[in-house]
Amino acid sequence: MLHFPDINTVGFQLGPITIHWYGLLEIISFVIATVWLIRRGRMAHWNWRKEQVVDLEFYVAVGAILGGRVGYVLWYNLPYYLANPVKMLAIWDGGMSFHGGLLGVVIACWVFARLHEQHAFLPTLDFIAPAVPIGLGLGRLANFINDQLFGRVSHLPWAMVFPSGGPQPRQPSQLYEFLLEGVLLLLILAIYSRKARPAGAVGGMFVFLYGVFRFAAEYARQPDIQLGFVLGPYTMGQVLSVPMIILGPVVIWWAYKGGFSESPESIPAVDK
């Protein structure tokens, strides 16, 4: 078995300002995603200006944070927050749900599309979807550094003793998720979206693949202590991923059947 490396959770400190690795990696992921989307936006079948990309990233960041927090409160620890409603606002104490964040991003893209007529809703989702794994992957690395969201007890050769996980070796499930939800998902979506696809197809692919990868990774991940298993042998993460696994292929099929009237725009227009 392996032992958890001695990693300082503080990325850097400048006087009274302390930046932990989680926040630092999220900032890095935001910068990388923005630069990459600006480059991709120049492709003829996307046609996004730099200013529009930056605006969209702001909407998405707000949607992800608000949705992630609301999702965590509702699905992962509602009794606690009903008893301590002020704590709902304490985002700095941790507690974010990806599935809630995804809903927040969808709403944010809808609002953005309503305010920018030249970029319809589904093509906007398709455009942003391939960049999401950048934040997911670096977020999982941050979970590993912070000694959180570790895996179940295991005696595999690469099982690791986490300081917060007791003396028994556990699977480094954060690294599994980094590879699946971060690296592999990014590669697949980057390649798939290089060519023009029907509106909704790229977003549908993201929804399906993330659902599959998350469902599989949850078998190695320790269930949340306040929830445990919520439906037989399945965790909350798996339960929330099932609709994604079902919805994704339906959206892709409907997109290729021409069920969505929207398509990526090729003619620039003036913002409202």
C-alpha atoms as a PDB file:
ATOM      1  CA  MET A   1       0.000   0.000   0.000  1.00  0.00           C
ATOM      2  CA  LEU A   2       0.992   3.627  -0.419  1.00  0.00           C
ATOM      3  CA  HIS A   3       0.926   6.501   2.037  1.00  0.00           C
ATOM      4  CA  PHE A   4      -0.636   9.847   1.308  1.00  0.00           C
ATOM      5  CA  PRO A   5       2.077  12.338   0.261  1.00  0.00           C
ATOM      6  CA  ASP A   6       2.761  15.202   2.609  1.00  0.00           C
ATOM      7  CA  ILE A   7       1.287  18.057   0.565  1.00  0.00           C
ATOM      8  CA  ASN A   8       0.705  21.514   1.954  1.00  0.00           C
ATOM      9  CA  THR A   9      -2.901  22.443   1.173  1.00  0.00           C
ATOM     10  CA  VAL A  10      -1.849  26.095   0.871  1.00  0.00           C
ATOM     11  CA  GLY A  11      -0.843  26.902  -2.698  1.00  0.00           C
ATOM     12  CA  PHE A  12       0.829  30.170  -1.781  1.00  0.00           C
ATOM     13  CA  GLN A  13       0.566  32.944   0.774  1.00  0.00           C
ATOM     14  CA  LEU A  14       1.086  36.628   0.132  1.00  0.00           C
ATOM     15  CA  GLY A  15       0.989  38.526   3.411  1.00  0.00           C
ATOM     16  CA  PRO A  16      -2.460  38.067   4.946  1.00  0.00           C
ATOM     17  CA  ILE A  17      -3.790  36.501   1.729  1.00  0.00           C
ATOM     18  CA  THR A  18      -3.780  32.700   1.715  1.00  0.00           C
ATOM     19  CA  ILE A  19      -4.711  30.785  -1.434  1.00  0.00           C
ATOM     20  CA  HIS A  20      -5.319  27.055  -0.989  1.00  0.00           C
ATOM     21  CA  TRP A  21      -4.690  24.599  -3.779  1.00  0.00           C
ATOM     22  CA  TYR A  22      -8.412  24.063  -4.360  1.00  0.00           C
ATOM     23  CA  GLY A  23      -9.029  27.722  -5.082  1.00  0.00           C
ATOM     24  CA  LEU A  24      -5.767  28.076  -6.993  1.00  0.00           C
ATOM     25  CA  LEU A  25      -6.516  25.114  -9.273  1.00  0.00           C
ATOM     26  CA  GLU A  26     -10.031  26.392  -9.902  1.00  0.00           C
ATOM     27  CA  ILE A  27      -8.601  29.768 -10.944  1.00  0.00           C
ATOM     28  CA  ILE A  28      -6.082  28.020 -13.202  1.00  0.00           C
ATOM     29  CA  SER A  29      -8.820  25.883 -14.754  1.00  0.00           C
ATOM     30  CA  PHE A  30     -10.922  28.993 -15.427  1.00  0.00           C
ATOM     31  CA  VAL A  31      -8.010  30.704 -17.200  1.00  0.00           C
ATOM     32  CA  ILE A  32      -7.130  27.614 -19.265  1.00  0.00           C
ATOM     33  CA  ALA A  33     -10.747  27.040 -20.251  1.00  0.00           C
ATOM     34  CA  THR A  34     -11.216  30.674 -21.250  1.00  0.00           C
ATOM     35  CA  VAL A  35      -8.070  30.748 -23.414  1.00  0.00           C
ATOM     36  CA  TRP A  36      -9.001  27.450 -25.057  1.00  0.00           C
ATOM     37  CA  LEU A  37     -12.577  28.550 -25.748  1.00  0.00           C
ATOM     38  CA  ILE A  38     -11.336  31.780 -27.304  1.00  0.00           C
ATOM     39  CA  ARG A  39      -9.196  29.723 -29.707  1.00  0.00           C
ATOM     40  CA  ARG A  40     -12.056  27.326 -30.463  1.00  0.00           C
ATOM     41  CA  GLY A  41     -14.448  30.213 -30.926  1.00  0.00           C
ATOM     42  CA  ARG A  42     -12.525  31.272 -34.027  1.00  0.00           C
ATOM     43  CA  MET A  43     -13.577  28.100 -35.843  1.00  0.00           C
ATOM     44  CA  ALA A  44     -16.050  28.805 -38.630  1.00  0.00           C
ATOM     45  CA  HIS A  45     -18.765  26.564 -37.192  1.00  0.00           C
ATOM     46  CA  TRP A  46     -18.611  28.346 -33.823  1.00  0.00           C
ATOM     47  CA  ASN A  47     -17.771  31.993 -34.594  1.00  0.00           C
ATOM     48  CA  TRP A  48     -17.467  33.369 -31.043  1.00  0.00           C
ATOM     49  CA  ARG A  49     -15.725  36.631 -30.345  1.00  0.00           C
ATOM     50  CA  LYS A  50     -13.329  36.916 -27.399  1.00  0.00           C
ATOM     51  CA  GLU A  51     -15.618  39.305 -25.546  1.00  0.00           C
ATOM     52  CA  GLN A  52     -18.531  36.901 -25.892  1.00  0.00           C
ATOM     53  CA  VAL A  53     -16.464  34.014 -24.539  1.00  0.00           C
ATOM     54  CA  VAL A  54     -15.435  36.022 -21.487  1.00  0.00           C
ATOM     55  CA  ASP A  55     -19.050  37.036 -20.875  1.00  0.00           C
ATOM     56  CA  LEU A  56     -20.213  33.446 -21.184  1.00  0.00           C
ATOM     57  CA  GLU A  57     -17.549  32.246 -18.757  1.00  0.00           C
ATOM     58  CA  PHE A  58     -18.796  34.756 -16.192  1.00  0.00           C
ATOM     59  CA  TYR A  59     -22.370  33.509 -16.545  1.00  0.00           C
ATOM     60  CA  VAL A  60     -21.201  29.895 -16.316  1.00  0.00           C
ATOM     61  CA  ALA A  61     -19.048  30.545 -13.232  1.00  0.00           C
ATOM     62  CA  VAL A  62     -21.956  32.162 -11.387  1.00  0.00           C
ATOM     63  CA  GLY A  63     -24.339  29.397 -12.444  1.00  0.00           C
ATOM     64  CA  ALA A  64     -21.931  26.641 -11.413  1.00  0.00           C
ATOM     65  CA  ILE A  65     -21.313  28.125  -7.958  1.00  0.00           C
ATOM     66  CA  LEU A  66     -24.954  28.855  -7.168  1.00  0.00           C
ATOM     67  CA  GLY A  67     -26.244  25.611  -8.653  1.00  0.00           C
ATOM     68  CA  GLY A  68     -23.513  23.566  -7.011  1.00  0.00           C
ATOM     69  CA  ARG A  69     -24.302  24.966  -3.603  1.00  0.00           C
ATOM     70  CA  VAL A  70     -28.077  24.614  -3.931  1.00  0.00           C
ATOM     71  CA  GLY A  71     -27.663  21.056  -5.190  1.00  0.00           C
ATOM     72  CA  TYR A  72     -25.457  20.114  -2.251  1.00  0.00           C
ATOM     73  CA  VAL A  73     -27.895  21.615   0.243  1.00  0.00           C
ATOM     74  CA  LEU A  74     -30.901  19.828  -1.274  1.00  0.00           C
ATOM     75  CA  TRP A  75     -29.392  16.439  -2.093  1.00  0.00           C
ATOM     76  CA  TYR A  76     -26.555  15.874   0.326  1.00  0.00           C
ATOM     77  CA  ASN A  77     -27.255  17.547   3.667  1.00  0.00           C
ATOM     78  CA  LEU A  78     -30.744  19.090   3.751  1.00  0.00           C
ATOM     79  CA  PRO A  79     -31.591  18.254   7.411  1.00  0.00           C
ATOM     80  CA  TYR A  80     -28.418  19.975   8.615  1.00  0.00           C
ATOM     81  CA  TYR A  81     -29.060  23.127   6.598  1.00  0.00           C
ATOM     82  CA  LEU A  82     -32.712  23.276   7.607  1.00  0.00           C
ATOM     83  CA  ALA A  83     -31.488  23.313  11.213  1.00  0.00           C
ATOM     84  CA  ASN A  84     -28.717  25.811  10.361  1.00  0.00           C
ATOM     85  CA  PRO A  85     -30.065  27.948   7.470  1.00  0.00           C
ATOM     86  CA  VAL A  86     -27.324  30.585   7.770  1.00  0.00           C
ATOM     87  CA  LYS A  87     -24.767  27.879   6.946  1.00  0.00           C
ATOM     88  CA  MET A  88     -26.267  27.590   3.460  1.00  0.00           C
ATOM     89  CA  LEU A  89     -24.305  30.707   2.564  1.00  0.00           C
ATOM     90  CA  ALA A  90     -20.984  29.438   3.966  1.00  0.00           C
ATOM     91  CA  ILE A  91     -19.565  28.219   0.656  1.00  0.00           C
ATOM     92  CA  TRP A  92     -16.032  28.627   2.036  1.00  0.00           C
ATOM     93  CA  ASP A  93     -16.731  25.714   4.400  1.00  0.00           C
ATOM     94  CA  GLY A  94     -17.095  23.368   1.427  1.00  0.00           C
ATOM     95  CA  GLY A  95     -20.070  21.514   0.040  1.00  0.00           C
ATOM     96  CA  MET A  96     -20.722  21.645  -3.715  1.00  0.00           C
ATOM     97  CA  SER A  97     -22.638  19.250  -5.954  1.00  0.00           C
ATOM     98  CA  PHE A  98     -21.586  18.735  -9.569  1.00  0.00           C
ATOM     99  CA  HIS A  99     -25.093  17.760 -10.623  1.00  0.00           C
ATOM    100  CA  GLY A 100     -26.476  20.946  -9.082  1.00  0.00           C
ATOM    101  CA  GLY A 101     -23.675  22.921 -10.703  1.00  0.00           C
ATOM    102  CA  LEU A 102     -24.563  21.399 -14.075  1.00  0.00           C
ATOM    103  CA  LEU A 103     -28.163  22.567 -13.742  1.00  0.00           C
ATOM    104  CA  GLY A 104     -26.832  25.999 -12.799  1.00  0.00           C
ATOM    105  CA  VAL A 105     -24.668  26.073 -15.922  1.00  0.00           C
ATOM    106  CA  VAL A 106     -27.621  25.066 -18.115  1.00  0.00           C
ATOM    107  CA  ILE A 107     -29.705  27.910 -16.668  1.00  0.00           C
ATOM    108  CA  ALA A 108     -26.790  30.326 -17.073  1.00  0.00           C
ATOM    109  CA  CYS A 109     -26.409  29.371 -20.756  1.00  0.00           C
ATOM    110  CA  TRP A 110     -30.149  29.859 -21.276  1.00  0.00           C
ATOM    111  CA  VAL A 111     -29.972  33.345 -19.753  1.00  0.00           C
ATOM    112  CA  PHE A 112     -26.901  34.164 -21.849  1.00  0.00           C
ATOM    113  CA  ALA A 113     -28.648  33.006 -25.035  1.00  0.00           C
ATOM    114  CA  ARG A 114     -31.678  35.136 -24.234  1.00  0.00           C
ATOM    115  CA  LEU A 115     -29.446  38.200 -23.992  1.00  0.00           C
ATOM    116  CA  HIS A 116     -27.304  37.380 -27.047  1.00  0.00           C
ATOM    117  CA  GLU A 117     -29.592  36.520 -29.965  1.00  0.00           C
ATOM    118  CA  GLN A 118     -26.811  35.391 -32.289  1.00  0.00           C
ATOM    119  CA  HIS A 119     -25.938  32.506 -29.959  1.00  0.00           C
ATOM    120  CA  ALA A 120     -28.877  30.181 -29.428  1.00  0.00           C
ATOM    121  CA  PHE A 121     -29.283  28.089 -26.294  1.00  0.00           C
ATOM    122  CA  LEU A 122     -28.255  24.609 -27.457  1.00  0.00           C
ATOM    123  CA  PRO A 123     -25.240  25.741 -29.511  1.00  0.00           C
ATOM    124  CA  THR A 124     -24.113  27.713 -26.467  1.00  0.00           C
ATOM    125  CA  LEU A 125     -24.243  24.541 -24.358  1.00  0.00           C
ATOM    126  CA  ASP A 126     -22.401  22.652 -27.099  1.00  0.00           C
ATOM    127  CA  PHE A 127     -19.702  25.308 -27.185  1.00  0.00           C
ATOM    128  CA  ILE A 128     -19.037  25.352 -23.430  1.00  0.00           C
ATOM    129  CA  ALA A 129     -19.380  21.599 -22.784  1.00  0.00           C
ATOM    130  CA  PRO A 130     -15.887  20.462 -23.927  1.00  0.00           C
ATOM    131  CA  ALA A 131     -14.229  22.947 -21.559  1.00  0.00           C
ATOM    132  CA  VAL A 132     -16.063  21.732 -18.448  1.00  0.00           C
ATOM    133  CA  PRO A 133     -13.756  18.701 -17.910  1.00  0.00           C
ATOM    134  CA  ILE A 134     -10.832  21.088 -17.378  1.00  0.00           C
ATOM    135  CA  GLY A 135     -12.410  22.371 -14.170  1.00  0.00           C
ATOM    136  CA  LEU A 136     -13.637  18.910 -13.215  1.00  0.00           C
ATOM    137  CA  GLY A 137     -10.210  17.329 -13.591  1.00  0.00           C
ATOM    138  CA  LEU A 138      -8.283  19.978 -11.683  1.00  0.00           C
ATOM    139  CA  GLY A 139     -11.024  20.002  -9.056  1.00  0.00           C
ATOM    140  CA  ARG A 140     -10.474  16.290  -8.455  1.00  0.00           C
ATOM    141  CA  LEU A 141      -6.750  16.876  -8.099  1.00  0.00           C
ATOM    142  CA  ALA A 142      -7.593  19.500  -5.498  1.00  0.00           C
ATOM    143  CA  ASN A 143      -9.777  16.965  -3.667  1.00  0.00           C
ATOM    144  CA  PHE A 144      -6.775  14.628  -3.567  1.00  0.00           C
ATOM    145  CA  ILE A 145      -4.435  17.325  -2.264  1.00  0.00           C
ATOM    146  CA  ASN A 146      -7.003  18.303   0.383  1.00  0.00           C
ATOM    147  CA  ASP A 147      -7.327  14.690   1.604  1.00  0.00           C
ATOM    148  CA  GLN A 148     -11.063  14.609   0.870  1.00  0.00           C
ATOM    149  CA  LEU A 149     -13.529  12.489  -1.111  1.00  0.00           C
ATOM    150  CA  PHE A 150     -11.198   9.499  -0.901  1.00  0.00           C
ATOM    151  CA  GLY A 151     -12.173   5.969  -1.856  1.00  0.00           C
ATOM    152  CA  ARG A 152     -13.378   2.849  -0.133  1.00  0.00           C
ATOM    153  CA  VAL A 153     -11.165   0.485   1.818  1.00  0.00           C
ATOM    154  CA  SER A 154      -9.095  -1.616  -0.570  1.00  0.00           C
ATOM    155  CA  HIS A 155      -6.009  -3.823  -0.639  1.00  0.00           C
ATOM    156  CA  LEU A 156      -5.018  -3.087  -4.208  1.00  0.00           C
ATOM    157  CA  PRO A 157      -1.270  -2.414  -4.665  1.00  0.00           C
ATOM    158  CA  TRP A 158      -1.947   1.298  -5.228  1.00  0.00           C
ATOM    159  CA  ALA A 159      -4.372   1.669  -2.313  1.00  0.00           C
ATOM    160  CA  MET A 160      -3.388   4.561  -0.088  1.00  0.00           C
ATOM    161  CA  VAL A 161      -3.642   5.462   3.597  1.00  0.00           C
ATOM    162  CA  PHE A 162      -5.312   8.875   3.792  1.00  0.00           C
ATOM    163  CA  PRO A 163      -4.825  10.877   7.017  1.00  0.00           C
ATOM    164  CA  SER A 164      -8.575  11.573   7.243  1.00  0.00           C
ATOM    165  CA  GLY A 165      -9.541   8.056   6.249  1.00  0.00           C
ATOM    166  CA  GLY A 166      -8.174   6.132   9.198  1.00  0.00           C
ATOM    167  CA  PRO A 167      -5.424   3.492   9.246  1.00  0.00           C
ATOM    168  CA  GLN A 168      -6.845   1.305   6.468  1.00  0.00           C
ATOM    169  CA  PRO A 169      -5.689   1.722   2.862  1.00  0.00           C
ATOM    170  CA  ARG A 170      -8.239   3.192   0.488  1.00  0.00           C
ATOM    171  CA  GLN A 171      -8.610   3.611  -3.242  1.00  0.00           C
ATOM    172  CA  PRO A 172      -7.445   7.013  -4.549  1.00  0.00           C
ATOM    173  CA  SER A 173     -10.823   7.573  -6.180  1.00  0.00           C
ATOM    174  CA  GLN A 174     -10.083  11.277  -6.711  1.00  0.00           C
ATOM    175  CA  LEU A 175      -7.374  10.259  -9.195  1.00  0.00           C
ATOM    176  CA  TYR A 176      -9.762   7.859 -10.941  1.00  0.00           C
ATOM    177  CA  GLU A 177     -12.201  10.734 -11.377  1.00  0.00           C
ATOM    178  CA  PHE A 178      -9.407  13.028 -12.535  1.00  0.00           C
ATOM    179  CA  LEU A 179      -8.560  10.567 -15.310  1.00  0.00           C
ATOM    180  CA  LEU A 180     -12.152   9.766 -16.281  1.00  0.00           C
ATOM    181  CA  GLU A 181     -14.082  13.017 -15.742  1.00  0.00           C
ATOM    182  CA  GLY A 182     -11.093  15.206 -16.534  1.00  0.00           C
ATOM    183  CA  VAL A 183      -8.568  13.787 -18.990  1.00  0.00           C
ATOM    184  CA  LEU A 184     -10.603  11.185 -20.915  1.00  0.00           C
ATOM    185  CA  LEU A 185     -13.794  13.249 -21.107  1.00  0.00           C
ATOM    186  CA  LEU A 186     -11.826  16.284 -22.291  1.00  0.00           C
ATOM    187  CA  LEU A 187     -10.088  14.314 -25.045  1.00  0.00           C
ATOM    188  CA  ILE A 188     -13.296  12.738 -26.334  1.00  0.00           C
ATOM    189  CA  LEU A 189     -15.262  15.981 -26.396  1.00  0.00           C
ATOM    190  CA  ALA A 190     -12.393  17.998 -27.892  1.00  0.00           C
ATOM    191  CA  ILE A 191     -12.108  15.538 -30.781  1.00  0.00           C
ATOM    192  CA  TYR A 192     -15.865  15.122 -31.220  1.00  0.00           C
ATOM    193  CA  SER A 193     -16.519  18.871 -31.332  1.00  0.00           C
ATOM    194  CA  ARG A 194     -13.806  19.742 -33.831  1.00  0.00           C
ATOM    195  CA  LYS A 195     -16.350  19.268 -36.619  1.00  0.00           C
ATOM    196  CA  ALA A 196     -19.777  20.876 -36.805  1.00  0.00           C
ATOM    197  CA  ARG A 197     -22.391  18.711 -35.093  1.00  0.00           C
ATOM    198  CA  PRO A 198     -26.176  19.047 -34.888  1.00  0.00           C
ATOM    199  CA  ALA A 199     -27.302  21.399 -32.146  1.00  0.00           C
ATOM    200  CA  GLY A 200     -27.444  19.535 -28.854  1.00  0.00           C
ATOM    201  CA  ALA A 201     -25.177  16.644 -29.895  1.00  0.00           C
ATOM    202  CA  VAL A 202     -22.015  17.810 -28.089  1.00  0.00           C
ATOM    203  CA  GLY A 203     -23.936  18.695 -24.933  1.00  0.00           C
ATOM    204  CA  GLY A 204     -25.723  15.356 -25.072  1.00  0.00           C
ATOM    205  CA  MET A 205     -22.402  13.549 -25.415  1.00  0.00           C
ATOM    206  CA  PHE A 206     -21.064  15.349 -22.357  1.00  0.00           C
ATOM    207  CA  VAL A 207     -24.136  14.484 -20.298  1.00  0.00           C
ATOM    208  CA  PHE A 208     -23.982  10.803 -21.264  1.00  0.00           C
ATOM    209  CA  LEU A 209     -20.242  10.291 -20.794  1.00  0.00           C
ATOM    210  CA  TYR A 210     -20.057  12.159 -17.514  1.00  0.00           C
ATOM    211  CA  GLY A 211     -22.966  10.117 -16.196  1.00  0.00           C
ATOM    212  CA  VAL A 212     -21.240   6.868 -17.147  1.00  0.00           C
ATOM    213  CA  PHE A 213     -17.831   7.885 -15.776  1.00  0.00           C
ATOM    214  CA  ARG A 214     -19.255   9.224 -12.515  1.00  0.00           C
ATOM    215  CA  PHE A 215     -21.457   6.161 -11.999  1.00  0.00           C
ATOM    216  CA  ALA A 216     -18.441   3.875 -12.482  1.00  0.00           C
ATOM    217  CA  ALA A 217     -16.103   5.936 -10.267  1.00  0.00           C
ATOM    218  CA  GLU A 218     -18.627   5.924  -7.413  1.00  0.00           C
ATOM    219  CA  TYR A 219     -18.021   2.192  -6.956  1.00  0.00           C
ATOM    220  CA  ALA A 220     -14.543   3.097  -5.704  1.00  0.00           C
ATOM    221  CA  ARG A 221     -15.492   6.269  -3.819  1.00  0.00           C
ATOM    222  CA  GLN A 222     -16.417   6.299  -0.126  1.00  0.00           C
ATOM    223  CA  PRO A 223     -20.095   7.291   0.224  1.00  0.00           C
ATOM    224  CA  ASP A 224     -20.781  10.616   1.930  1.00  0.00           C
ATOM    225  CA  ILE A 225     -20.727  10.004   5.674  1.00  0.00           C
ATOM    226  CA  GLN A 226     -24.017  11.843   6.292  1.00  0.00           C
ATOM    227  CA  LEU A 227     -25.817   9.828   3.591  1.00  0.00           C
ATOM    228  CA  GLY A 228     -24.190   6.461   3.123  1.00  0.00           C
ATOM    229  CA  PHE A 229     -25.892   4.356   0.456  1.00  0.00           C
ATOM    230  CA  VAL A 230     -29.200   5.934  -0.528  1.00  0.00           C
ATOM    231  CA  LEU A 231     -30.760   3.287  -2.783  1.00  0.00           C
ATOM    232  CA  GLY A 232     -29.655  -0.268  -2.060  1.00  0.00           C
ATOM    233  CA  PRO A 233     -25.933  -0.450  -2.897  1.00  0.00           C
ATOM    234  CA  TYR A 234     -25.976   2.849  -4.796  1.00  0.00           C
ATOM    235  CA  THR A 235     -24.723   6.252  -3.683  1.00  0.00           C
ATOM    236  CA  MET A 236     -26.326   9.644  -4.224  1.00  0.00           C
ATOM    237  CA  GLY A 237     -23.771  10.368  -6.954  1.00  0.00           C
ATOM    238  CA  GLN A 238     -24.893   7.245  -8.828  1.00  0.00           C
ATOM    239  CA  VAL A 239     -28.579   7.989  -8.378  1.00  0.00           C
ATOM    240  CA  LEU A 240     -28.112  11.510  -9.759  1.00  0.00           C
ATOM    241  CA  SER A 241     -26.050  10.170 -12.674  1.00  0.00           C
ATOM    242  CA  VAL A 242     -28.697   7.727 -13.905  1.00  0.00           C
ATOM    243  CA  PRO A 243     -30.875  10.448 -15.497  1.00  0.00           C
ATOM    244  CA  MET A 244     -27.773  11.708 -17.311  1.00  0.00           C
ATOM    245  CA  ILE A 245     -27.017   8.250 -18.697  1.00  0.00           C
ATOM    246  CA  ILE A 246     -30.595   8.014 -20.003  1.00  0.00           C
ATOM    247  CA  LEU A 247     -31.010  11.601 -21.195  1.00  0.00           C
ATOM    248  CA  GLY A 248     -27.676  11.939 -23.022  1.00  0.00           C
ATOM    249  CA  PRO A 249     -28.304   9.334 -25.774  1.00  0.00           C
ATOM    250  CA  VAL A 250     -31.860  10.612 -26.208  1.00  0.00           C
ATOM    251  CA  VAL A 251     -30.585  14.146 -26.803  1.00  0.00           C
ATOM    252  CA  ILE A 252     -27.923  12.926 -29.247  1.00  0.00           C
ATOM    253  CA  TRP A 253     -30.445  10.807 -31.162  1.00  0.00           C
ATOM    254  CA  TRP A 254     -32.937  13.668 -31.315  1.00  0.00           C
ATOM    255  CA  ALA A 255     -30.218  16.072 -32.461  1.00  0.00           C
ATOM    256  CA  TYR A 256     -29.188  13.859 -35.376  1.00  0.00           C
ATOM    257  CA  LYS A 257     -32.836  13.329 -36.294  1.00  0.00           C
ATOM    258  CA  GLY A 258     -33.120  17.085 -36.711  1.00  0.00           C
ATOM    259  CA  GLY A 259     -35.411  17.460 -33.724  1.00  0.00           C
ATOM    260  CA  PHE A 260     -33.751  20.685 -32.585  1.00  0.00           C
ATOM    261  CA  SER A 261     -34.159  23.664 -34.884  1.00  0.00           C
ATOM    262  CA  GLU A 262     -31.138  25.500 -33.510  1.00  0.00           C
ATOM    263  CA  SER A 263     -27.757  25.178 -35.180  1.00  0.00           C
ATOM    264  CA  PRO A 264     -24.306  26.729 -34.649  1.00  0.00           C
ATOM    265  CA  GLU A 265     -24.312  30.187 -36.161  1.00  0.00           C
ATOM    266  CA  SER A 266     -21.888  31.228 -38.863  1.00  0.00           C
ATOM    267  CA  ILE A 267     -22.904  34.872 -39.353  1.00  0.00           C
ATOM    268  CA  PRO A 268     -21.942  37.379 -36.655  1.00  0.00           C
ATOM    269  CA  ALA A 269     -24.594  39.676 -35.274  1.00  0.00           C
ATOM    270  CA  VAL A 270     -24.667  42.682 -33.009  1.00  0.00           C
ATOM    271  CA  ASP A 271     -25.436  42.106 -29.325  1.00  0.00           C
ATOM    272  CA  LYS A 272     -28.708  43.418 -28.018  1.00  0.00           C
END
